[in-house]
Amino acid sequence: MNKTIKTILIVVAIAILVYGGYQLITPEASVDIGIAEFESQNNKNAYTTIGVGVVILLATLLLGKNK
């Protein structure tokens, strides 16, 4: 694999992992009713995003080895 393409894929994979982590942490909706505050999260998309980032990173590192 070309060294430039490998570097780009690693950077993209890390960016996807960071974005997935951000989705995992931040709440999607928040409601404040006087004395109580409620937050709602749906982490299905975050787990999918993190999984895609891990797959890209592993594929780049394992398949990109020079023979």
N, C-alpha and C. Protein backbone atom coordinates (compact mmCIF):
# COMPACT_ATOMS: atom_id res chain seq x y z
N MET A 1 0.85 -1.17 0.00
CA MET A 1 0.00 0.00 0.00
C MET A 1 0.90 1.23 0.00
N ASN A 2 0.50 2.22 -0.76
CA ASN A 2 1.24 3.46 -0.85
C ASN A 2 1.28 4.14 0.52
N LYS A 3 2.44 4.70 0.88
CA LYS A 3 2.61 5.31 2.19
C LYS A 3 1.68 6.50 2.40
N THR A 4 1.42 7.27 1.37
CA THR A 4 0.53 8.43 1.46
C THR A 4 -0.91 7.98 1.73
N ILE A 5 -1.36 6.96 1.01
CA ILE A 5 -2.72 6.46 1.21
C ILE A 5 -2.86 5.87 2.60
N LYS A 6 -1.84 5.17 3.07
CA LYS A 6 -1.87 4.58 4.41
C LYS A 6 -1.98 5.67 5.46
N THR A 7 -1.23 6.74 5.32
CA THR A 7 -1.27 7.84 6.27
C THR A 7 -2.64 8.51 6.27
N ILE A 8 -3.21 8.73 5.09
CA ILE A 8 -4.53 9.35 4.99
C ILE A 8 -5.58 8.47 5.64
N LEU A 9 -5.53 7.16 5.41
CA LEU A 9 -6.50 6.25 6.02
C LEU A 9 -6.37 6.21 7.54
N ILE A 10 -5.17 6.27 8.06
CA ILE A 10 -4.98 6.29 9.51
C ILE A 10 -5.55 7.57 10.10
N VAL A 11 -5.32 8.70 9.46
CA VAL A 11 -5.86 9.98 9.95
C VAL A 11 -7.39 9.96 9.91
N VAL A 12 -7.96 9.44 8.82
CA VAL A 12 -9.42 9.35 8.70
C VAL A 12 -9.99 8.43 9.77
N ALA A 13 -9.34 7.30 10.02
CA ALA A 13 -9.81 6.36 11.03
C ALA A 13 -9.79 6.99 12.42
N ILE A 14 -8.73 7.71 12.74
CA ILE A 14 -8.64 8.38 14.04
C ILE A 14 -9.71 9.46 14.16
N ALA A 15 -9.96 10.21 13.08
CA ALA A 15 -11.00 11.23 13.11
C ALA A 15 -12.38 10.60 13.32
N ILE A 16 -12.63 9.47 12.68
CA ILE A 16 -13.91 8.78 12.86
C ILE A 16 -14.05 8.27 14.30
N LEU A 17 -12.97 7.75 14.87
CA LEU A 17 -13.01 7.30 16.27
C LEU A 17 -13.29 8.45 17.23
N VAL A 18 -12.66 9.59 16.99
CA VAL A 18 -12.89 10.76 17.85
C VAL A 18 -14.34 11.23 17.72
N TYR A 19 -14.86 11.27 16.51
CA TYR A 19 -16.25 11.68 16.30
C TYR A 19 -17.21 10.71 16.97
N GLY A 20 -16.94 9.41 16.88
CA GLY A 20 -17.77 8.41 17.55
C GLY A 20 -17.74 8.57 19.06
N GLY A 21 -16.58 8.86 19.61
CA GLY A 21 -16.47 9.12 21.05
C GLY A 21 -17.24 10.36 21.46
N TYR A 22 -17.20 11.38 20.62
CA TYR A 22 -17.96 12.60 20.89
C TYR A 22 -19.45 12.32 20.88
N GLN A 23 -19.92 11.52 19.91
CA GLN A 23 -21.33 11.15 19.86
C GLN A 23 -21.73 10.34 21.07
N LEU A 24 -20.84 9.53 21.58
CA LEU A 24 -21.13 8.68 22.73
C LEU A 24 -21.30 9.50 24.01
N ILE A 25 -20.55 10.59 24.12
CA ILE A 25 -20.54 11.38 25.35
C ILE A 25 -21.65 12.41 25.39
N THR A 26 -21.89 13.11 24.30
CA THR A 26 -22.85 14.22 24.31
C THR A 26 -24.29 13.72 24.23
N PRO A 27 -25.19 14.31 25.01
CA PRO A 27 -26.60 13.92 24.93
C PRO A 27 -27.26 14.47 23.67
N GLU A 28 -28.25 13.74 23.16
CA GLU A 28 -28.96 14.19 21.96
C GLU A 28 -30.02 15.22 22.29
N ALA A 29 -30.74 15.02 23.39
CA ALA A 29 -31.82 15.94 23.76
C ALA A 29 -31.76 16.20 25.26
N SER A 30 -32.14 17.41 25.64
CA SER A 30 -32.14 17.78 27.04
C SER A 30 -33.39 18.58 27.34
N VAL A 31 -34.04 18.25 28.47
CA VAL A 31 -35.25 18.96 28.90
C VAL A 31 -35.03 19.41 30.33
N ASP A 32 -35.26 20.68 30.58
CA ASP A 32 -35.11 21.23 31.92
C ASP A 32 -36.48 21.67 32.42
N ILE A 33 -36.99 20.97 33.47
CA ILE A 33 -38.30 21.29 34.04
C ILE A 33 -38.08 21.75 35.47
N GLY A 34 -37.81 23.00 35.63
CA GLY A 34 -37.65 23.57 36.97
C GLY A 34 -36.57 22.90 37.79
N ILE A 35 -36.97 21.93 38.63
CA ILE A 35 -36.02 21.31 39.56
C ILE A 35 -35.33 20.08 38.97
N ALA A 36 -35.81 19.59 37.83
CA ALA A 36 -35.24 18.38 37.25
C ALA A 36 -34.78 18.65 35.82
N GLU A 37 -33.71 17.96 35.45
CA GLU A 37 -33.20 18.05 34.08
C GLU A 37 -33.04 16.62 33.55
N PHE A 38 -33.57 16.38 32.35
CA PHE A 38 -33.53 15.05 31.76
C PHE A 38 -32.74 15.10 30.46
N GLU A 39 -31.90 14.10 30.27
CA GLU A 39 -31.11 14.00 29.05
C GLU A 39 -31.38 12.66 28.39
N SER A 40 -31.43 12.66 27.07
CA SER A 40 -31.70 11.44 26.31
C SER A 40 -30.54 11.15 25.37
N GLN A 41 -30.17 9.88 25.29
CA GLN A 41 -29.11 9.47 24.38
C GLN A 41 -29.50 8.22 23.63
N ASN A 42 -29.11 8.16 22.38
CA ASN A 42 -29.24 6.96 21.57
C ASN A 42 -27.85 6.66 21.04
N ASN A 43 -27.20 5.64 21.58
CA ASN A 43 -25.79 5.38 21.27
C ASN A 43 -25.58 4.42 20.11
N LYS A 44 -26.64 4.00 19.42
CA LYS A 44 -26.47 3.05 18.33
C LYS A 44 -25.58 3.60 17.22
N ASN A 45 -25.79 4.85 16.85
CA ASN A 45 -24.97 5.45 15.80
C ASN A 45 -23.52 5.64 16.27
N ALA A 46 -23.33 5.94 17.54
CA ALA A 46 -21.98 6.14 18.05
C ALA A 46 -21.20 4.82 18.01
N TYR A 47 -21.84 3.73 18.40
CA TYR A 47 -21.16 2.44 18.36
C TYR A 47 -20.83 2.03 16.93
N THR A 48 -21.72 2.32 16.01
CA THR A 48 -21.47 2.01 14.60
C THR A 48 -20.28 2.82 14.08
N THR A 49 -20.25 4.10 14.42
CA THR A 49 -19.16 4.98 13.97
C THR A 49 -17.82 4.51 14.54
N ILE A 50 -17.80 4.15 15.82
CA ILE A 50 -16.56 3.66 16.43
C ILE A 50 -16.14 2.35 15.78
N GLY A 51 -17.09 1.48 15.51
CA GLY A 51 -16.77 0.20 14.85
C GLY A 51 -16.17 0.40 13.48
N VAL A 52 -16.71 1.33 12.70
CA VAL A 52 -16.17 1.62 11.37
C VAL A 52 -14.75 2.17 11.48
N GLY A 53 -14.52 3.04 12.46
CA GLY A 53 -13.17 3.58 12.66
C GLY A 53 -12.17 2.50 13.02
N VAL A 54 -12.57 1.57 13.88
CA VAL A 54 -11.68 0.48 14.28
C VAL A 54 -11.38 -0.43 13.09
N VAL A 55 -12.40 -0.73 12.29
CA VAL A 55 -12.20 -1.60 11.12
C VAL A 55 -11.25 -0.95 10.12
N ILE A 56 -11.43 0.33 9.85
CA ILE A 56 -10.54 1.04 8.92
C ILE A 56 -9.11 1.05 9.46
N LEU A 57 -8.96 1.33 10.74
CA LEU A 57 -7.63 1.39 11.34
C LEU A 57 -6.94 0.02 11.30
N LEU A 58 -7.66 -1.03 11.67
CA LEU A 58 -7.06 -2.37 11.64
C LEU A 58 -6.74 -2.81 10.21
N ALA A 59 -7.64 -2.52 9.28
CA ALA A 59 -7.39 -2.90 7.89
C ALA A 59 -6.16 -2.17 7.35
N THR A 60 -6.03 -0.91 7.69
CA THR A 60 -4.88 -0.14 7.22
C THR A 60 -3.59 -0.68 7.81
N LEU A 61 -3.61 -0.99 9.09
CA LEU A 61 -2.39 -1.46 9.73
C LEU A 61 -2.03 -2.88 9.33
N LEU A 62 -3.02 -3.75 9.18
CA LEU A 62 -2.74 -5.16 8.85
C LEU A 62 -2.50 -5.39 7.36
N LEU A 63 -3.29 -4.74 6.52
CA LEU A 63 -3.17 -4.97 5.08
C LEU A 63 -2.10 -4.07 4.44
N GLY A 64 -1.68 -3.06 5.17
CA GLY A 64 -0.72 -2.11 4.60
C GLY A 64 0.73 -2.49 4.79
N LYS A 65 1.00 -3.65 5.35
CA LYS A 65 2.39 -4.05 5.56
C LYS A 65 3.06 -4.36 4.24
N ASN A 66 4.27 -3.87 4.10
CA ASN A 66 5.04 -4.15 2.88
C ASN A 66 5.64 -5.54 2.96
N LYS A 67 5.63 -6.23 1.83
CA LYS A 67 6.18 -7.58 1.79
C LYS A 67 7.61 -7.58 1.32
